[in-house]
PDB file of N, CA and C in Angstrom:
ATOM      1  N   MET A   1      57.583-106.622 -23.358  1.00  0.00           N
ATOM      2  CA  MET A   1      57.268-107.257 -24.601  1.00  0.00           C
ATOM      3  C   MET A   1      55.841-107.806 -24.512  1.00  0.00           C
ATOM      4  N   ASN A   2      55.000-107.454 -25.470  1.00  0.00           N
ATOM      5  CA  ASN A   2      53.618-107.932 -25.506  1.00  0.00           C
ATOM      6  C   ASN A   2      53.532-109.231 -26.278  1.00  0.00           C
ATOM      7  N   ALA A   3      52.824-110.196 -25.701  1.00  0.00           N
ATOM      8  CA  ALA A   3      52.613-111.466 -26.388  1.00  0.00           C
ATOM      9  C   ALA A   3      51.490-111.345 -27.393  1.00  0.00           C
ATOM     10  N   THR A   4      51.560-112.092 -28.440  1.00  0.00           N
ATOM     11  CA  THR A   4      50.477-112.138 -29.417  1.00  0.00           C
ATOM     12  C   THR A   4      49.301-112.820 -28.774  1.00  0.00           C
ATOM     13  N   ARG A   5      48.083-112.371 -29.056  1.00  0.00           N
ATOM     14  CA  ARG A   5      46.900-112.957 -28.450  1.00  0.00           C
ATOM     15  C   ARG A   5      45.919-113.371 -29.545  1.00  0.00           C
ATOM     16  N   ALA A   6      45.263-114.479 -29.301  1.00  0.00           N
ATOM     17  CA  ALA A   6      44.178-114.965 -30.160  1.00  0.00           C
ATOM     18  C   ALA A   6      43.071-115.427 -29.228  1.00  0.00           C
ATOM     19  N   ASN A   7      41.857-115.490 -29.749  1.00  0.00           N
ATOM     20  CA  ASN A   7      40.702-115.884 -28.950  1.00  0.00           C
ATOM     21  C   ASN A   7      39.915-116.934 -29.710  1.00  0.00           C
ATOM     22  N   ILE A   8      39.425-117.932 -28.996  1.00  0.00           N
ATOM     23  CA  ILE A   8      38.553-118.935 -29.612  1.00  0.00           C
ATOM     24  C   ILE A   8      37.371-119.207 -28.685  1.00  0.00           C
ATOM     25  N   VAL A   9      36.321-119.742 -29.274  1.00  0.00           N
ATOM     26  CA  VAL A   9      35.179-120.228 -28.508  1.00  0.00           C
ATOM     27  C   VAL A   9      35.016-121.705 -28.779  1.00  0.00           C
ATOM     28  N   VAL A  10      34.932-122.467 -27.703  1.00  0.00           N
ATOM     29  CA  VAL A  10      34.759-123.921 -27.797  1.00  0.00           C
ATOM     30  C   VAL A  10      33.348-124.242 -27.334  1.00  0.00           C
ATOM     31  N   ASP A  11      32.589-124.965 -28.172  1.00  0.00           N
ATOM     32  CA  ASP A  11      31.250-125.420 -27.828  1.00  0.00           C
ATOM     33  C   ASP A  11      31.390-126.869 -27.329  1.00  0.00           C
ATOM     34  N   VAL A  12      31.088-127.087 -26.051  1.00  0.00           N
ATOM     35  CA  VAL A  12      31.220-128.445 -25.493  1.00  0.00           C
ATOM     36  C   VAL A  12      29.963-129.270 -25.664  1.00  0.00           C
ATOM     37  N   ARG A  13      28.958-128.675 -26.314  1.00  0.00           N
ATOM     38  CA  ARG A  13      27.713-129.345 -26.717  1.00  0.00           C
ATOM     39  C   ARG A  13      26.875-129.885 -25.560  1.00  0.00           C
ATOM     40  N   GLU A  14      27.168-129.458 -24.356  1.00  0.00           N
ATOM     41  CA  GLU A  14      26.333-129.775 -23.208  1.00  0.00           C
ATOM     42  C   GLU A  14      26.577-128.677 -22.172  1.00  0.00           C
ATOM     43  N   GLU A  15      25.566-128.372 -21.397  1.00  0.00           N
ATOM     44  CA  GLU A  15      25.723-127.353 -20.376  1.00  0.00           C
ATOM     45  C   GLU A  15      26.667-127.833 -19.303  1.00  0.00           C
ATOM     46  N   LEU A  16      27.591-126.957 -18.914  1.00  0.00           N
ATOM     47  CA  LEU A  16      28.564-127.298 -17.897  1.00  0.00           C
ATOM     48  C   LEU A  16      28.027-126.927 -16.522  1.00  0.00           C
ATOM     49  N   SER A  17      28.157-127.837 -15.593  1.00  0.00           N
ATOM     50  CA  SER A  17      27.857-127.516 -14.191  1.00  0.00           C
ATOM     51  C   SER A  17      28.985-126.652 -13.656  1.00  0.00           C
ATOM     52  N   GLY A  18      28.793-126.074 -12.502  1.00  0.00           N
ATOM     53  CA  GLY A  18      29.853-125.285 -11.896  1.00  0.00           C
ATOM     54  C   GLY A  18      31.128-126.073 -11.710  1.00  0.00           C
ATOM     55  N   GLN A  19      30.967-127.302 -11.230  1.00  0.00           N
ATOM     56  CA  GLN A  19      32.121-128.168 -10.935  1.00  0.00           C
ATOM     57  C   GLN A  19      32.828-128.596 -12.230  1.00  0.00           C
ATOM     58  N   SER A  20      32.048-129.070 -13.205  1.00  0.00           N
ATOM     59  CA  SER A  20      32.711-129.517 -14.451  1.00  0.00           C
ATOM     60  C   SER A  20      33.308-128.344 -15.223  1.00  0.00           C
ATOM     61  N   GLY A  21      32.658-127.206 -15.172  1.00  0.00           N
ATOM     62  CA  GLY A  21      33.193-126.030 -15.831  1.00  0.00           C
ATOM     63  C   GLY A  21      34.492-125.549 -15.188  1.00  0.00           C
ATOM     64  N   ASP A  22      34.528-125.565 -13.847  1.00  0.00           N
ATOM     65  CA  ASP A  22      35.764-125.183 -13.151  1.00  0.00           C
ATOM     66  C   ASP A  22      36.911-126.125 -13.474  1.00  0.00           C
ATOM     67  N   ALA A  23      36.595-127.421 -13.495  1.00  0.00           N
ATOM     68  CA  ALA A  23      37.616-128.413 -13.782  1.00  0.00           C
ATOM     69  C   ALA A  23      38.163-128.236 -15.196  1.00  0.00           C
ATOM     70  N   LEU A  24      37.290-127.998 -16.120  1.00  0.00           N
ATOM     71  CA  LEU A  24      37.710-127.813 -17.514  1.00  0.00           C
ATOM     72  C   LEU A  24      38.549-126.540 -17.666  1.00  0.00           C
ATOM     73  N   VAL A  25      38.135-125.463 -17.049  1.00  0.00           N
ATOM     74  CA  VAL A  25      38.894-124.220 -17.095  1.00  0.00           C
ATOM     75  C   VAL A  25      40.280-124.411 -16.498  1.00  0.00           C
ATOM     76  N   ASN A  26      40.384-125.154 -15.404  1.00  0.00           N
ATOM     77  CA  ASN A  26      41.687-125.408 -14.801  1.00  0.00           C
ATOM     78  C   ASN A  26      42.595-126.189 -15.733  1.00  0.00           C
ATOM     79  N   VAL A  27      42.039-127.162 -16.440  1.00  0.00           N
ATOM     80  CA  VAL A  27      42.817-127.903 -17.424  1.00  0.00           C
ATOM     81  C   VAL A  27      43.323-126.986 -18.526  1.00  0.00           C
ATOM     82  N   LEU A  28      42.440-126.145 -19.039  1.00  0.00           N
ATOM     83  CA  LEU A  28      42.844-125.235 -20.123  1.00  0.00           C
ATOM     84  C   LEU A  28      43.861-124.232 -19.670  1.00  0.00           C
ATOM     85  N   ARG A  29      43.734-123.745 -18.457  1.00  0.00           N
ATOM     86  CA  ARG A  29      44.744-122.795 -17.948  1.00  0.00           C
ATOM     87  C   ARG A  29      46.117-123.418 -17.817  1.00  0.00           C
ATOM     88  N   GLY A  30      46.160-124.750 -17.750  1.00  0.00           N
ATOM     89  CA  GLY A  30      47.416-125.454 -17.668  1.00  0.00           C
ATOM     90  C   GLY A  30      48.077-125.708 -19.005  1.00  0.00           C
ATOM     91  N   VAL A  31      47.378-125.399 -20.097  1.00  0.00           N
ATOM     92  CA  VAL A  31      47.944-125.606 -21.428  1.00  0.00           C
ATOM     93  C   VAL A  31      48.935-124.464 -21.696  1.00  0.00           C
ATOM     94  N   GLN A  32      50.142-124.819 -22.069  1.00  0.00           N
ATOM     95  CA  GLN A  32      51.163-123.814 -22.348  1.00  0.00           C
ATOM     96  C   GLN A  32      50.677-122.849 -23.419  1.00  0.00           C
ATOM     97  N   GLY A  33      50.727-121.581 -23.145  1.00  0.00           N
ATOM     98  CA  GLY A  33      50.303-120.546 -24.110  1.00  0.00           C
ATOM     99  C   GLY A  33      48.911-120.023 -23.857  1.00  0.00           C
ATOM    100  N   VAL A  34      48.103-120.722 -23.038  1.00  0.00           N
ATOM    101  CA  VAL A  34      46.773-120.222 -22.708  1.00  0.00           C
ATOM    102  C   VAL A  34      46.895-119.217 -21.561  1.00  0.00           C
ATOM    103  N   SER A  35      46.406-118.005 -21.808  1.00  0.00           N
ATOM    104  CA  SER A  35      46.495-116.963 -20.793  1.00  0.00           C
ATOM    105  C   SER A  35      45.218-116.825 -19.974  1.00  0.00           C
ATOM    106  N   ARG A  36      44.106-117.224 -20.551  1.00  0.00           N
ATOM    107  CA  ARG A  36      42.825-117.089 -19.875  1.00  0.00           C
ATOM    108  C   ARG A  36      41.821-118.065 -20.454  1.00  0.00           C
ATOM    109  N   ALA A  37      41.001-118.627 -19.606  1.00  0.00           N
ATOM    110  CA  ALA A  37      39.901-119.497 -20.053  1.00  0.00           C
ATOM    111  C   ALA A  37      38.752-119.325 -19.064  1.00  0.00           C
ATOM    112  N   TRP A  38      37.524-119.300 -19.586  1.00  0.00           N
ATOM    113  CA  TRP A  38      36.373-119.159 -18.720  1.00  0.00           C
ATOM    114  C   TRP A  38      35.113-119.669 -19.413  1.00  0.00           C
ATOM    115  N   VAL A  39      34.154-120.082 -18.628  1.00  0.00           N
ATOM    116  CA  VAL A  39      32.860-120.528 -19.157  1.00  0.00           C
ATOM    117  C   VAL A  39      31.963-119.312 -19.263  1.00  0.00           C
ATOM    118  N   SER A  40      31.289-119.189 -20.368  1.00  0.00           N
ATOM    119  CA  SER A  40      30.356-118.073 -20.589  1.00  0.00           C
ATOM    120  C   SER A  40      29.276-118.090 -19.515  1.00  0.00           C
ATOM    121  N   ARG A  41      28.978-116.950 -18.980  1.00  0.00           N
ATOM    122  CA  ARG A  41      27.892-116.828 -17.964  1.00  0.00           C
ATOM    123  C   ARG A  41      26.522-116.969 -18.631  1.00  0.00           C
ATOM    124  N   ARG A  42      26.427-116.547 -19.878  1.00  0.00           N
ATOM    125  CA  ARG A  42      25.129-116.571 -20.543  1.00  0.00           C
ATOM    126  C   ARG A  42      24.787-117.925 -21.157  1.00  0.00           C
ATOM    127  N   VAL A  43      25.796-118.624 -21.701  1.00  0.00           N
ATOM    128  CA  VAL A  43      25.582-119.903 -22.352  1.00  0.00           C
ATOM    129  C   VAL A  43      26.602-120.852 -21.734  1.00  0.00           C
ATOM    130  N   ARG A  44      26.195-121.658 -20.773  1.00  0.00           N
ATOM    131  CA  ARG A  44      27.102-122.464 -19.956  1.00  0.00           C
ATOM    132  C   ARG A  44      27.741-123.630 -20.696  1.00  0.00           C
ATOM    133  N   ARG A  45      27.568-123.744 -21.993  1.00  0.00           N
ATOM    134  CA  ARG A  45      28.273-124.764 -22.743  1.00  0.00           C
ATOM    135  C   ARG A  45      29.399-124.191 -23.595  1.00  0.00           C
ATOM    136  N   LEU A  46      29.556-122.871 -23.564  1.00  0.00           N
ATOM    137  CA  LEU A  46      30.620-122.225 -24.315  1.00  0.00           C
ATOM    138  C   LEU A  46      31.796-121.878 -23.422  1.00  0.00           C
ATOM    139  N   VAL A  47      32.973-122.230 -23.897  1.00  0.00           N
ATOM    140  CA  VAL A  47      34.195-121.917 -23.175  1.00  0.00           C
ATOM    141  C   VAL A  47      35.003-120.981 -24.038  1.00  0.00           C
ATOM    142  N   LEU A  48      35.374-119.836 -23.480  1.00  0.00           N
ATOM    143  CA  LEU A  48      36.137-118.821 -24.189  1.00  0.00           C
ATOM    144  C   LEU A  48      37.606-118.944 -23.754  1.00  0.00           C
ATOM    145  N   VAL A  49      38.501-118.892 -24.703  1.00  0.00           N
ATOM    146  CA  VAL A  49      39.918-119.102 -24.430  1.00  0.00           C
ATOM    147  C   VAL A  49      40.767-118.031 -25.125  1.00  0.00           C
ATOM    148  N   ASP A  50      41.633-117.403 -24.357  1.00  0.00           N
ATOM    149  CA  ASP A  50      42.642-116.471 -24.897  1.00  0.00           C
ATOM    150  C   ASP A  50      43.977-117.198 -24.869  1.00  0.00           C
ATOM    151  N   PHE A  51      44.747-117.130 -25.952  1.00  0.00           N
ATOM    152  CA  PHE A  51      46.005-117.830 -25.998  1.00  0.00           C
ATOM    153  C   PHE A  51      46.999-117.127 -26.918  1.00  0.00           C
ATOM    154  N   ASP A  52      48.232-117.521 -26.795  1.00  0.00           N
ATOM    155  CA  ASP A  52      49.301-116.992 -27.637  1.00  0.00           C
ATOM    156  C   ASP A  52      49.558-118.031 -28.748  1.00  0.00           C
ATOM    157  N   PRO A  53      49.215-117.716 -30.010  1.00  0.00           N
ATOM    158  CA  PRO A  53      49.334-118.668 -31.086  1.00  0.00           C
ATOM    159  C   PRO A  53      50.800-119.026 -31.427  1.00  0.00           C
ATOM    160  N   LYS A  54      51.759-118.311 -30.857  1.00  0.00           N
ATOM    161  CA  LYS A  54      53.167-118.672 -31.052  1.00  0.00           C
ATOM    162  C   LYS A  54      53.559-119.807 -30.087  1.00  0.00           C
ATOM    163  N   ARG A  55      52.725-120.037 -29.065  1.00  0.00           N
ATOM    164  CA  ARG A  55      53.066-121.052 -28.049  1.00  0.00           C
ATOM    165  C   ARG A  55      52.121-122.263 -28.070  1.00  0.00           C
ATOM    166  N   THR A  56      50.932-122.124 -28.643  1.00  0.00           N
ATOM    167  CA  THR A  56      50.002-123.227 -28.771  1.00  0.00           C
ATOM    168  C   THR A  56      49.081-122.978 -29.963  1.00  0.00           C
ATOM    169  N   ASP A  57      48.180-123.897 -30.235  1.00  0.00           N
ATOM    170  CA  ASP A  57      47.283-123.696 -31.366  1.00  0.00           C
ATOM    171  C   ASP A  57      45.884-124.189 -31.001  1.00  0.00           C
ATOM    172  N   THR A  58      44.945-123.926 -31.869  1.00  0.00           N
ATOM    173  CA  THR A  58      43.533-124.276 -31.593  1.00  0.00           C
ATOM    174  C   THR A  58      43.346-125.774 -31.437  1.00  0.00           C
ATOM    175  N   ARG A  59      44.075-126.563 -32.194  1.00  0.00           N
ATOM    176  CA  ARG A  59      43.946-128.017 -32.098  1.00  0.00           C
ATOM    177  C   ARG A  59      44.351-128.517 -30.709  1.00  0.00           C
ATOM    178  N   THR A  60      45.401-127.960 -30.160  1.00  0.00           N
ATOM    179  CA  THR A  60      45.845-128.346 -28.815  1.00  0.00           C
ATOM    180  C   THR A  60      44.776-127.988 -27.780  1.00  0.00           C
ATOM    181  N   VAL A  61      44.187-126.814 -27.911  1.00  0.00           N
ATOM    182  CA  VAL A  61      43.149-126.394 -26.978  1.00  0.00           C
ATOM    183  C   VAL A  61      41.954-127.344 -27.087  1.00  0.00           C
ATOM    184  N   LEU A  62      41.492-127.592 -28.323  1.00  0.00           N
ATOM    185  CA  LEU A  62      40.340-128.464 -28.517  1.00  0.00           C
ATOM    186  C   LEU A  62      40.619-129.890 -28.014  1.00  0.00           C
ATOM    187  N   ASP A  63      41.800-130.391 -28.317  1.00  0.00           N
ATOM    188  CA  ASP A  63      42.167-131.757 -27.843  1.00  0.00           C
ATOM    189  C   ASP A  63      42.152-131.821 -26.322  1.00  0.00           C
ATOM    190  N   SER A  64      42.530-130.777 -25.649  1.00  0.00           N
ATOM    191  CA  SER A  64      42.501-130.759 -24.186  1.00  0.00           C
ATOM    192  C   SER A  64      41.084-130.890 -23.640  1.00  0.00           C
ATOM    193  N   VAL A  65      40.140-130.299 -24.338  1.00  0.00           N
ATOM    194  CA  VAL A  65      38.720-130.402 -23.953  1.00  0.00           C
ATOM    195  C   VAL A  65      38.206-131.829 -24.225  1.00  0.00           C
ATOM    196  N   VAL A  66      38.501-132.324 -25.395  1.00  0.00           N
ATOM    197  CA  VAL A  66      38.026-133.664 -25.780  1.00  0.00           C
ATOM    198  C   VAL A  66      38.608-134.753 -24.860  1.00  0.00           C
ATOM    199  N   ARG A  67      39.858-134.623 -24.486  1.00  0.00           N
ATOM    200  CA  ARG A  67      40.483-135.578 -23.567  1.00  0.00           C
ATOM    201  C   ARG A  67      39.774-135.616 -22.220  1.00  0.00           C
ATOM    202  N   ARG A  68      39.068-134.551 -21.858  1.00  0.00           N
ATOM    203  CA  ARG A  68      38.308-134.512 -20.587  1.00  0.00           C
ATOM    204  C   ARG A  68      36.936-135.215 -20.756  1.00  0.00           C
ATOM    205  N   GLY A  69      36.686-135.725 -21.963  1.00  0.00           N
ATOM    206  CA  GLY A  69      35.465-136.500 -22.178  1.00  0.00           C
ATOM    207  C   GLY A  69      34.301-135.714 -22.753  1.00  0.00           C
ATOM    208  N   PHE A  70      34.549-134.501 -23.202  1.00  0.00           N
ATOM    209  CA  PHE A  70      33.476-133.694 -23.777  1.00  0.00           C
ATOM    210  C   PHE A  70      33.437-133.837 -25.301  1.00  0.00           C
ATOM    211  N   ASP A  71      32.236-133.837 -25.857  1.00  0.00           N
ATOM    212  CA  ASP A  71      32.024-133.735 -27.288  1.00  0.00           C
ATOM    213  C   ASP A  71      32.106-132.237 -27.597  1.00  0.00           C
ATOM    214  N   ALA A  72      33.148-131.828 -28.270  1.00  0.00           N
ATOM    215  CA  ALA A  72      33.391-130.391 -28.448  1.00  0.00           C
ATOM    216  C   ALA A  72      33.814-130.073 -29.855  1.00  0.00           C
ATOM    217  N   ARG A  73      33.640-128.789 -30.202  1.00  0.00           N
ATOM    218  CA  ARG A  73      34.082-128.267 -31.487  1.00  0.00           C
ATOM    219  C   ARG A  73      34.378-126.801 -31.336  1.00  0.00           C
ATOM    220  N   LEU A  74      35.205-126.278 -32.214  1.00  0.00           N
ATOM    221  CA  LEU A  74      35.474-124.840 -32.257  1.00  0.00           C
ATOM    222  C   LEU A  74      34.378-124.178 -33.037  1.00  0.00           C
ATOM    223  N   ILE A  75      33.883-123.077 -32.511  1.00  0.00           N
ATOM    224  CA  ILE A  75      32.818-122.362 -33.247  1.00  0.00           C
ATOM    225  C   ILE A  75      33.192-120.925 -33.516  1.00  0.00           C
ATOM    226  N   GLY A  76      34.301-120.439 -33.043  1.00  0.00           N
ATOM    227  CA  GLY A  76      34.649-119.068 -33.321  1.00  0.00           C
ATOM    228  C   GLY A  76      36.074-118.744 -32.979  1.00  0.00           C
ATOM    229  N   MET A  77      36.540-117.668 -33.622  1.00  0.00           N
ATOM    230  CA  MET A  77      37.907-117.215 -33.384  1.00  0.00           C
ATOM    231  C   MET A  77      37.850-115.717 -33.264  1.00  0.00           C
TER     232      MET A  77
END
């Protein structure tokens, strides 16, 4: 059975260091329904997230980033 997939881009409005980017990605990977999360290699303030919209939503993903202390917004789907 294939899960439904959606993609979003989160702008954290500041460049992520390797350490802060890794920590944020680990938090996002722990969100139920998120299948993949990674920091863009080209623009280190963008976080790309693949998720199953039947198990989570964009607000939950964004809230997870904000709770880590980042000023963030969704910029793409």
